Amino acid sequence: MANAGASVKLLKGDLGRLNVSQIRAAISPDDIHACESRLVSLENTVNKGGGSIYTSEALQEISDFCRSVGIPLHLDGARIFNALVESGQTPAQFGAWFDTISVCLSKGLGAPIGSVLLGSKDFIKKARRWRKVFGGGMRQAGFIAAAGLYALENNINRLAQDHEHAQIIAGVLKEKDFVGEILPVETNIIIFEIKGRLSANDFVEKMKANNIWMFAVSPTQVRMVLHLDITPSMVAETIDAIKRL
């Protein structure tokens, strides 16, 4: 908040997904004692929602509401291509729904570095000024841009393989008595509960001993992410390690 000079209202959604009623209720009243509501920001896919995806109907409804009250709508689209591949939605739809979009090139797409901000010409001009305020940009970054272009041209459709791998591993986890709730696996993220004789950290450490790395997001929950560098043979090794526990 120190950098942005903004106050933020965090809303608890359905697997992280917000609806119009929640957003409408969170808009500040026309009162000098309240901060003005100036932006609505959504995430898709939702990281801590286990890679959950918004439906087209939900996004259209939220977009229509934001336009009706004159509040811009931003998308944190770090994993937007996972959503596109799984849902069949198109980039053009998202361009119509949102005023601004951020896209990560280095997650599922596999580029070594980089994110892209999308918006109107005037907005991008202003964003570049703020980038300079925060410390400037990168110089001679063409080779980084080339890697990003390669990722966009070659690595989108293959994201479906990550989704398939996540489903396979989730199916094995369901069979284990030390695994509780598994959030619905829609894309490449698996978030699941560890119960009984193991803690989340215990599970992570046992898997690390097999050179399989994941993350405990809470004392009882573990997060696994499938990506470009995870091969079918690695998935088989992961399944074997889980079965041995």
C-alpha atoms as a PDB file:
ATOM      1  CA  MET A   1       0.000   0.000   0.000  1.00  0.00           C
ATOM      2  CA  ALA A   2       2.963   2.313   0.614  1.00  0.00           C
ATOM      3  CA  ASN A   3       3.899   2.331  -3.071  1.00  0.00           C
ATOM      4  CA  ALA A   4       0.376   2.514  -4.475  1.00  0.00           C
ATOM      5  CA  GLY A   5      -1.122   4.865  -1.901  1.00  0.00           C
ATOM      6  CA  ALA A   6      -4.277   2.767  -2.051  1.00  0.00           C
ATOM      7  CA  SER A   7      -6.568   1.066   0.431  1.00  0.00           C
ATOM      8  CA  VAL A   8      -7.598  -2.464  -0.524  1.00  0.00           C
ATOM      9  CA  LYS A   9     -10.727  -4.474   0.286  1.00  0.00           C
ATOM     10  CA  LEU A  10     -10.083  -8.210   0.078  1.00  0.00           C
ATOM     11  CA  LEU A  11     -13.190 -10.313  -0.600  1.00  0.00           C
ATOM     12  CA  LYS A  12     -13.613 -14.036   0.058  1.00  0.00           C
ATOM     13  CA  GLY A  13     -15.041 -15.737  -2.990  1.00  0.00           C
ATOM     14  CA  ASP A  14     -16.053 -19.203  -4.131  1.00  0.00           C
ATOM     15  CA  LEU A  15     -12.626 -20.800  -4.632  1.00  0.00           C
ATOM     16  CA  GLY A  16     -11.448 -17.199  -4.931  1.00  0.00           C
ATOM     17  CA  ARG A  17     -14.005 -16.227  -7.579  1.00  0.00           C
ATOM     18  CA  LEU A  18     -16.062 -13.117  -6.817  1.00  0.00           C
ATOM     19  CA  ASN A  19     -19.602 -12.349  -7.935  1.00  0.00           C
ATOM     20  CA  VAL A  20     -21.467  -9.152  -8.697  1.00  0.00           C
ATOM     21  CA  SER A  21     -23.335  -9.109  -5.397  1.00  0.00           C
ATOM     22  CA  GLN A  22     -20.069  -9.171  -3.424  1.00  0.00           C
ATOM     23  CA  ILE A  23     -18.528  -6.455  -5.559  1.00  0.00           C
ATOM     24  CA  ARG A  24     -21.617  -4.251  -5.387  1.00  0.00           C
ATOM     25  CA  ALA A  25     -21.689  -4.555  -1.573  1.00  0.00           C
ATOM     26  CA  ALA A  26     -17.991  -3.638  -1.352  1.00  0.00           C
ATOM     27  CA  ILE A  27     -18.297  -0.384  -3.305  1.00  0.00           C
ATOM     28  CA  SER A  28     -17.761   2.527  -0.898  1.00  0.00           C
ATOM     29  CA  PRO A  29     -20.683   4.875  -0.291  1.00  0.00           C
ATOM     30  CA  ASP A  30     -20.540   8.487  -1.435  1.00  0.00           C
ATOM     31  CA  ASP A  31     -19.188   9.620   1.916  1.00  0.00           C
ATOM     32  CA  ILE A  32     -16.151  11.776   2.727  1.00  0.00           C
ATOM     33  CA  HIS A  33     -15.266   9.333   5.517  1.00  0.00           C
ATOM     34  CA  ALA A  34     -14.823   6.446   3.080  1.00  0.00           C
ATOM     35  CA  CYS A  35     -12.145   5.798   0.454  1.00  0.00           C
ATOM     36  CA  GLU A  36     -13.406   6.111  -3.103  1.00  0.00           C
ATOM     37  CA  SER A  37     -13.792   2.810  -4.949  1.00  0.00           C
ATOM     38  CA  ARG A  38     -11.617   3.263  -8.035  1.00  0.00           C
ATOM     39  CA  LEU A  39     -10.798  -0.236  -9.285  1.00  0.00           C
ATOM     40  CA  VAL A  40     -12.067  -3.824  -9.250  1.00  0.00           C
ATOM     41  CA  SER A  41      -9.361  -6.483  -9.681  1.00  0.00           C
ATOM     42  CA  LEU A  42      -9.969 -10.174 -10.387  1.00  0.00           C
ATOM     43  CA  GLU A  43      -7.556 -13.104 -10.661  1.00  0.00           C
ATOM     44  CA  ASN A  44      -8.053 -15.830 -13.280  1.00  0.00           C
ATOM     45  CA  THR A  45      -7.085 -18.579 -12.801  1.00  0.00           C
ATOM     46  CA  VAL A  46      -7.284 -18.192  -9.024  1.00  0.00           C
ATOM     47  CA  ASN A  47      -4.059 -19.380  -7.402  1.00  0.00           C
ATOM     48  CA  LYS A  48      -5.291 -20.227  -3.897  1.00  0.00           C
ATOM     49  CA  GLY A  49      -8.581 -21.452  -5.348  1.00  0.00           C
ATOM     50  CA  GLY A  50      -6.672 -24.375  -6.828  1.00  0.00           C
ATOM     51  CA  GLY A  51      -6.497 -22.867 -10.309  1.00  0.00           C
ATOM     52  CA  SER A  52     -10.236 -22.190 -10.505  1.00  0.00           C
ATOM     53  CA  ILE A  53     -11.696 -20.480 -13.588  1.00  0.00           C
ATOM     54  CA  TYR A  54     -14.377 -17.814 -13.994  1.00  0.00           C
ATOM     55  CA  THR A  55     -17.242 -18.623 -16.352  1.00  0.00           C
ATOM     56  CA  SER A  56     -17.929 -16.325 -19.301  1.00  0.00           C
ATOM     57  CA  GLU A  57     -21.326 -15.482 -17.816  1.00  0.00           C
ATOM     58  CA  ALA A  58     -19.795 -14.383 -14.499  1.00  0.00           C
ATOM     59  CA  LEU A  59     -17.176 -12.215 -16.194  1.00  0.00           C
ATOM     60  CA  GLN A  60     -19.742 -10.579 -18.475  1.00  0.00           C
ATOM     61  CA  GLU A  61     -21.957  -9.768 -15.486  1.00  0.00           C
ATOM     62  CA  ILE A  62     -19.084  -8.262 -13.496  1.00  0.00           C
ATOM     63  CA  SER A  63     -17.849  -6.300 -16.506  1.00  0.00           C
ATOM     64  CA  ASP A  64     -21.327  -4.894 -17.193  1.00  0.00           C
ATOM     65  CA  PHE A  65     -21.692  -3.838 -13.550  1.00  0.00           C
ATOM     66  CA  CYS A  66     -18.283  -2.120 -13.408  1.00  0.00           C
ATOM     67  CA  ARG A  67     -19.043  -0.183 -16.581  1.00  0.00           C
ATOM     68  CA  SER A  68     -22.450   0.840 -15.213  1.00  0.00           C
ATOM     69  CA  VAL A  69     -20.829   2.444 -12.141  1.00  0.00           C
ATOM     70  CA  GLY A  70     -17.798   3.812 -13.979  1.00  0.00           C
ATOM     71  CA  ILE A  71     -15.162   1.695 -12.177  1.00  0.00           C
ATOM     72  CA  PRO A  72     -12.342   0.133 -14.258  1.00  0.00           C
ATOM     73  CA  LEU A  73     -11.947  -3.633 -14.183  1.00  0.00           C
ATOM     74  CA  HIS A  74      -8.451  -5.174 -14.046  1.00  0.00           C
ATOM     75  CA  LEU A  75      -7.449  -8.801 -14.548  1.00  0.00           C
ATOM     76  CA  ASP A  76      -4.493 -10.418 -12.825  1.00  0.00           C
ATOM     77  CA  GLY A  77      -4.002 -12.884 -15.669  1.00  0.00           C
ATOM     78  CA  ALA A  78      -0.758 -14.510 -14.571  1.00  0.00           C
ATOM     79  CA  ARG A  79      -2.249 -17.866 -15.628  1.00  0.00           C
ATOM     80  CA  ILE A  80      -4.802 -16.557 -18.130  1.00  0.00           C
ATOM     81  CA  PHE A  81      -3.676 -18.952 -20.873  1.00  0.00           C
ATOM     82  CA  ASN A  82      -4.430 -21.914 -18.614  1.00  0.00           C
ATOM     83  CA  ALA A  83      -7.966 -20.564 -18.343  1.00  0.00           C
ATOM     84  CA  LEU A  84      -8.228 -20.039 -22.109  1.00  0.00           C
ATOM     85  CA  VAL A  85      -7.024 -23.547 -22.944  1.00  0.00           C
ATOM     86  CA  GLU A  86      -9.332 -25.217 -20.441  1.00  0.00           C
ATOM     87  CA  SER A  87     -12.478 -23.109 -20.949  1.00  0.00           C
ATOM     88  CA  GLY A  88     -12.393 -22.416 -24.672  1.00  0.00           C
ATOM     89  CA  GLN A  89     -12.741 -18.687 -23.995  1.00  0.00           C
ATOM     90  CA  THR A  90     -10.883 -16.335 -26.341  1.00  0.00           C
ATOM     91  CA  PRO A  91      -8.421 -13.463 -25.836  1.00  0.00           C
ATOM     92  CA  ALA A  92     -10.889 -11.173 -27.620  1.00  0.00           C
ATOM     93  CA  GLN A  93     -13.532 -11.880 -24.974  1.00  0.00           C
ATOM     94  CA  PHE A  94     -11.162 -10.884 -22.192  1.00  0.00           C
ATOM     95  CA  GLY A  95     -10.183  -7.772 -24.096  1.00  0.00           C
ATOM     96  CA  ALA A  96     -13.858  -6.791 -24.162  1.00  0.00           C
ATOM     97  CA  TRP A  97     -14.534  -7.615 -20.510  1.00  0.00           C
ATOM     98  CA  PHE A  98     -11.506  -5.918 -18.923  1.00  0.00           C
ATOM     99  CA  ASP A  99      -9.990  -2.446 -19.103  1.00  0.00           C
ATOM    100  CA  THR A 100      -6.501  -3.689 -18.215  1.00  0.00           C
ATOM    101  CA  ILE A 101      -4.868  -7.123 -18.088  1.00  0.00           C
ATOM    102  CA  SER A 102      -1.518  -8.346 -16.777  1.00  0.00           C
ATOM    103  CA  VAL A 103      -0.085 -11.538 -18.287  1.00  0.00           C
ATOM    104  CA  CYS A 104       2.834 -13.610 -17.006  1.00  0.00           C
ATOM    105  CA  LEU A 105       5.112 -15.202 -19.601  1.00  0.00           C
ATOM    106  CA  SER A 106       7.258 -17.171 -17.156  1.00  0.00           C
ATOM    107  CA  LYS A 107       4.765 -19.504 -15.447  1.00  0.00           C
ATOM    108  CA  GLY A 108       3.060 -22.173 -17.536  1.00  0.00           C
ATOM    109  CA  LEU A 109       4.320 -20.649 -20.788  1.00  0.00           C
ATOM    110  CA  GLY A 110       7.906 -21.305 -19.732  1.00  0.00           C
ATOM    111  CA  ALA A 111       9.653 -18.054 -20.671  1.00  0.00           C
ATOM    112  CA  PRO A 112      12.644 -17.317 -18.397  1.00  0.00           C
ATOM    113  CA  ILE A 113      11.323 -13.924 -17.287  1.00  0.00           C
ATOM    114  CA  GLY A 114       8.693 -11.343 -18.023  1.00  0.00           C
ATOM    115  CA  SER A 115       5.154 -10.059 -17.637  1.00  0.00           C
ATOM    116  CA  VAL A 116       3.106  -7.908 -19.990  1.00  0.00           C
ATOM    117  CA  LEU A 117       0.578  -5.193 -19.154  1.00  0.00           C
ATOM    118  CA  LEU A 118      -2.282  -4.644 -21.615  1.00  0.00           C
ATOM    119  CA  GLY A 119      -4.517  -1.598 -21.843  1.00  0.00           C
ATOM    120  CA  SER A 120      -5.436   1.428 -23.913  1.00  0.00           C
ATOM    121  CA  LYS A 121      -2.726   3.579 -25.502  1.00  0.00           C
ATOM    122  CA  ASP A 122      -3.285   6.367 -22.955  1.00  0.00           C
ATOM    123  CA  PHE A 123      -3.232   3.899 -20.052  1.00  0.00           C
ATOM    124  CA  ILE A 124       0.051   2.307 -21.176  1.00  0.00           C
ATOM    125  CA  LYS A 125       1.619   5.745 -21.551  1.00  0.00           C
ATOM    126  CA  LYS A 126       0.686   6.512 -17.949  1.00  0.00           C
ATOM    127  CA  ALA A 127       1.863   3.064 -16.800  1.00  0.00           C
ATOM    128  CA  ARG A 128       5.285   3.670 -18.341  1.00  0.00           C
ATOM    129  CA  ARG A 129       5.559   6.899 -16.408  1.00  0.00           C
ATOM    130  CA  TRP A 130       4.740   5.070 -13.160  1.00  0.00           C
ATOM    131  CA  ARG A 131       7.235   2.351 -14.060  1.00  0.00           C
ATOM    132  CA  LYS A 132       9.866   5.068 -14.267  1.00  0.00           C
ATOM    133  CA  VAL A 133       8.759   6.434 -10.876  1.00  0.00           C
ATOM    134  CA  PHE A 134       9.247   2.960  -9.363  1.00  0.00           C
ATOM    135  CA  GLY A 135      12.731   2.606 -10.802  1.00  0.00           C
ATOM    136  CA  GLY A 136      12.680   2.483 -14.586  1.00  0.00           C
ATOM    137  CA  GLY A 137      12.731  -0.382 -17.053  1.00  0.00           C
ATOM    138  CA  MET A 138      15.154  -2.855 -18.575  1.00  0.00           C
ATOM    139  CA  ARG A 139      17.665  -2.015 -21.273  1.00  0.00           C
ATOM    140  CA  GLN A 140      18.636  -4.195 -24.249  1.00  0.00           C
ATOM    141  CA  ALA A 141      15.844  -6.597 -23.356  1.00  0.00           C
ATOM    142  CA  GLY A 142      15.206  -7.857 -26.885  1.00  0.00           C
ATOM    143  CA  PHE A 143      16.464 -11.382 -26.193  1.00  0.00           C
ATOM    144  CA  ILE A 144      14.067 -11.603 -23.234  1.00  0.00           C
ATOM    145  CA  ALA A 145      11.228 -10.400 -25.455  1.00  0.00           C
ATOM    146  CA  ALA A 146      12.210 -13.029 -28.047  1.00  0.00           C
ATOM    147  CA  ALA A 147      11.792 -15.777 -25.444  1.00  0.00           C
ATOM    148  CA  GLY A 148       8.373 -14.364 -24.546  1.00  0.00           C
ATOM    149  CA  LEU A 149       7.321 -14.333 -28.213  1.00  0.00           C
ATOM    150  CA  TYR A 150       8.453 -17.941 -28.603  1.00  0.00           C
ATOM    151  CA  ALA A 151       6.393 -18.927 -25.554  1.00  0.00           C
ATOM    152  CA  LEU A 152       3.280 -17.208 -26.922  1.00  0.00           C
ATOM    153  CA  GLU A 153       3.704 -18.806 -30.341  1.00  0.00           C
ATOM    154  CA  ASN A 154       4.566 -22.339 -29.202  1.00  0.00           C
ATOM    155  CA  ASN A 155       3.646 -23.072 -25.589  1.00  0.00           C
ATOM    156  CA  ILE A 156      -0.047 -22.252 -25.192  1.00  0.00           C
ATOM    157  CA  ASN A 157      -1.800 -25.378 -26.465  1.00  0.00           C
ATOM    158  CA  ARG A 158       0.571 -27.659 -24.542  1.00  0.00           C
ATOM    159  CA  LEU A 159      -0.818 -26.277 -21.270  1.00  0.00           C
ATOM    160  CA  ALA A 160      -3.538 -28.924 -21.625  1.00  0.00           C
ATOM    161  CA  GLN A 161      -0.885 -31.522 -20.778  1.00  0.00           C
ATOM    162  CA  ASP A 162      -0.222 -29.802 -17.436  1.00  0.00           C
ATOM    163  CA  HIS A 163      -3.950 -29.944 -16.686  1.00  0.00           C
ATOM    164  CA  GLU A 164      -4.034 -33.644 -17.542  1.00  0.00           C
ATOM    165  CA  HIS A 165      -1.028 -34.350 -15.308  1.00  0.00           C
ATOM    166  CA  ALA A 166      -2.712 -32.508 -12.416  1.00  0.00           C
ATOM    167  CA  GLN A 167      -5.845 -34.622 -12.805  1.00  0.00           C
ATOM    168  CA  ILE A 168      -3.807 -37.838 -12.786  1.00  0.00           C
ATOM    169  CA  ILE A 169      -1.917 -36.918  -9.605  1.00  0.00           C
ATOM    170  CA  ALA A 170      -5.116 -35.724  -7.895  1.00  0.00           C
ATOM    171  CA  GLY A 171      -6.706 -39.088  -8.656  1.00  0.00           C
ATOM    172  CA  VAL A 172      -3.877 -40.872  -6.821  1.00  0.00           C
ATOM    173  CA  LEU A 173      -4.037 -38.486  -3.866  1.00  0.00           C
ATOM    174  CA  LYS A 174      -7.746 -39.268  -3.431  1.00  0.00           C
ATOM    175  CA  GLU A 175      -6.843 -42.883  -2.655  1.00  0.00           C
ATOM    176  CA  LYS A 176      -4.569 -42.051   0.295  1.00  0.00           C
ATOM    177  CA  ASP A 177      -5.956 -42.059   3.831  1.00  0.00           C
ATOM    178  CA  PHE A 178      -3.746 -39.142   4.892  1.00  0.00           C
ATOM    179  CA  VAL A 179      -5.243 -36.855   2.219  1.00  0.00           C
ATOM    180  CA  GLY A 180      -8.416 -34.949   3.078  1.00  0.00           C
ATOM    181  CA  GLU A 181     -10.191 -32.400   0.925  1.00  0.00           C
ATOM    182  CA  ILE A 182      -8.770 -31.744  -2.534  1.00  0.00           C
ATOM    183  CA  LEU A 183      -9.888 -28.490  -4.117  1.00  0.00           C
ATOM    184  CA  PRO A 184     -11.485 -29.048  -7.555  1.00  0.00           C
ATOM    185  CA  VAL A 185      -8.666 -29.431 -10.075  1.00  0.00           C
ATOM    186  CA  GLU A 186      -9.586 -27.344 -13.110  1.00  0.00           C
ATOM    187  CA  THR A 187      -6.157 -26.456 -14.470  1.00  0.00           C
ATOM    188  CA  ASN A 188      -2.536 -27.057 -13.387  1.00  0.00           C
ATOM    189  CA  ILE A 189      -2.736 -26.452  -9.617  1.00  0.00           C
ATOM    190  CA  ILE A 190      -3.510 -29.036  -6.934  1.00  0.00           C
ATOM    191  CA  ILE A 191      -4.249 -27.860  -3.385  1.00  0.00           C
ATOM    192  CA  PHE A 192      -5.060 -30.596  -0.912  1.00  0.00           C
ATOM    193  CA  GLU A 193      -5.390 -31.211   2.821  1.00  0.00           C
ATOM    194  CA  ILE A 194      -3.072 -33.471   4.788  1.00  0.00           C
ATOM    195  CA  LYS A 195      -4.630 -35.151   7.829  1.00  0.00           C
ATOM    196  CA  GLY A 196      -3.955 -37.843  10.403  1.00  0.00           C
ATOM    197  CA  ARG A 197      -0.396 -38.963  11.016  1.00  0.00           C
ATOM    198  CA  LEU A 198       1.242 -36.404   8.719  1.00  0.00           C
ATOM    199  CA  SER A 199       1.375 -32.612   8.697  1.00  0.00           C
ATOM    200  CA  ALA A 200       1.672 -30.636   5.480  1.00  0.00           C
ATOM    201  CA  ASN A 201       5.353 -30.000   6.224  1.00  0.00           C
ATOM    202  CA  ASP A 202       5.914 -33.724   6.899  1.00  0.00           C
ATOM    203  CA  PHE A 203       4.466 -34.579   3.494  1.00  0.00           C
ATOM    204  CA  VAL A 204       6.529 -31.906   1.749  1.00  0.00           C
ATOM    205  CA  GLU A 205       9.747 -33.122   3.388  1.00  0.00           C
ATOM    206  CA  LYS A 206       9.053 -36.774   2.520  1.00  0.00           C
ATOM    207  CA  MET A 207       8.458 -35.815  -1.099  1.00  0.00           C
ATOM    208  CA  LYS A 208      11.564 -33.624  -1.131  1.00  0.00           C
ATOM    209  CA  ALA A 209      13.574 -36.673  -0.102  1.00  0.00           C
ATOM    210  CA  ASN A 210      12.482 -38.119  -3.458  1.00  0.00           C
ATOM    211  CA  ASN A 211      13.583 -34.907  -5.237  1.00  0.00           C
ATOM    212  CA  ILE A 212       9.949 -33.873  -5.676  1.00  0.00           C
ATOM    213  CA  TRP A 213       9.350 -30.294  -4.581  1.00  0.00           C
ATOM    214  CA  MET A 214       6.075 -28.713  -3.522  1.00  0.00           C
ATOM    215  CA  PHE A 215       4.918 -26.147  -0.970  1.00  0.00           C
ATOM    216  CA  ALA A 216       2.984 -26.199   2.311  1.00  0.00           C
ATOM    217  CA  VAL A 217       0.575 -23.261   2.055  1.00  0.00           C
ATOM    218  CA  SER A 218      -0.678 -23.835   5.619  1.00  0.00           C
ATOM    219  CA  PRO A 219      -0.057 -26.314   8.452  1.00  0.00           C
ATOM    220  CA  THR A 220      -2.587 -28.655   6.814  1.00  0.00           C
ATOM    221  CA  GLN A 221      -2.548 -27.802   3.085  1.00  0.00           C
ATOM    222  CA  VAL A 222      -0.085 -28.540   0.296  1.00  0.00           C
ATOM    223  CA  ARG A 223       0.120 -26.904  -3.132  1.00  0.00           C
ATOM    224  CA  MET A 224       1.475 -28.619  -6.237  1.00  0.00           C
ATOM    225  CA  VAL A 225       1.866 -26.913  -9.630  1.00  0.00           C
ATOM    226  CA  LEU A 226       2.392 -28.676 -12.953  1.00  0.00           C
ATOM    227  CA  HIS A 227       4.341 -26.787 -15.630  1.00  0.00           C
ATOM    228  CA  LEU A 228       6.410 -26.971 -18.799  1.00  0.00           C
ATOM    229  CA  ASP A 229       9.375 -28.744 -17.191  1.00  0.00           C
ATOM    230  CA  ILE A 230       7.316 -31.575 -15.660  1.00  0.00           C
ATOM    231  CA  THR A 231       7.484 -34.585 -17.998  1.00  0.00           C
ATOM    232  CA  PRO A 232       5.238 -37.677 -18.014  1.00  0.00           C
ATOM    233  CA  SER A 233       8.078 -39.684 -16.454  1.00  0.00           C
ATOM    234  CA  MET A 234       8.312 -37.158 -13.613  1.00  0.00           C
ATOM    235  CA  VAL A 235       4.566 -37.482 -13.060  1.00  0.00           C
ATOM    236  CA  ALA A 236       5.011 -41.264 -12.857  1.00  0.00           C
ATOM    237  CA  GLU A 237       7.818 -40.822 -10.277  1.00  0.00           C
ATOM    238  CA  THR A 238       5.615 -38.479  -8.247  1.00  0.00           C
ATOM    239  CA  ILE A 239       2.759 -40.979  -8.265  1.00  0.00           C
ATOM    240  CA  ASP A 240       5.096 -43.778  -7.220  1.00  0.00           C
ATOM    241  CA  ALA A 241       6.437 -41.686  -4.304  1.00  0.00           C
ATOM    242  CA  ILE A 242       2.907 -40.850  -3.132  1.00  0.00           C
ATOM    243  CA  LYS A 243       1.845 -44.489  -3.281  1.00  0.00           C
ATOM    244  CA  ARG A 244       4.834 -45.553  -1.168  1.00  0.00           C
ATOM    245  CA  LEU A 245       3.866 -43.260   1.726  1.00  0.00           C
END
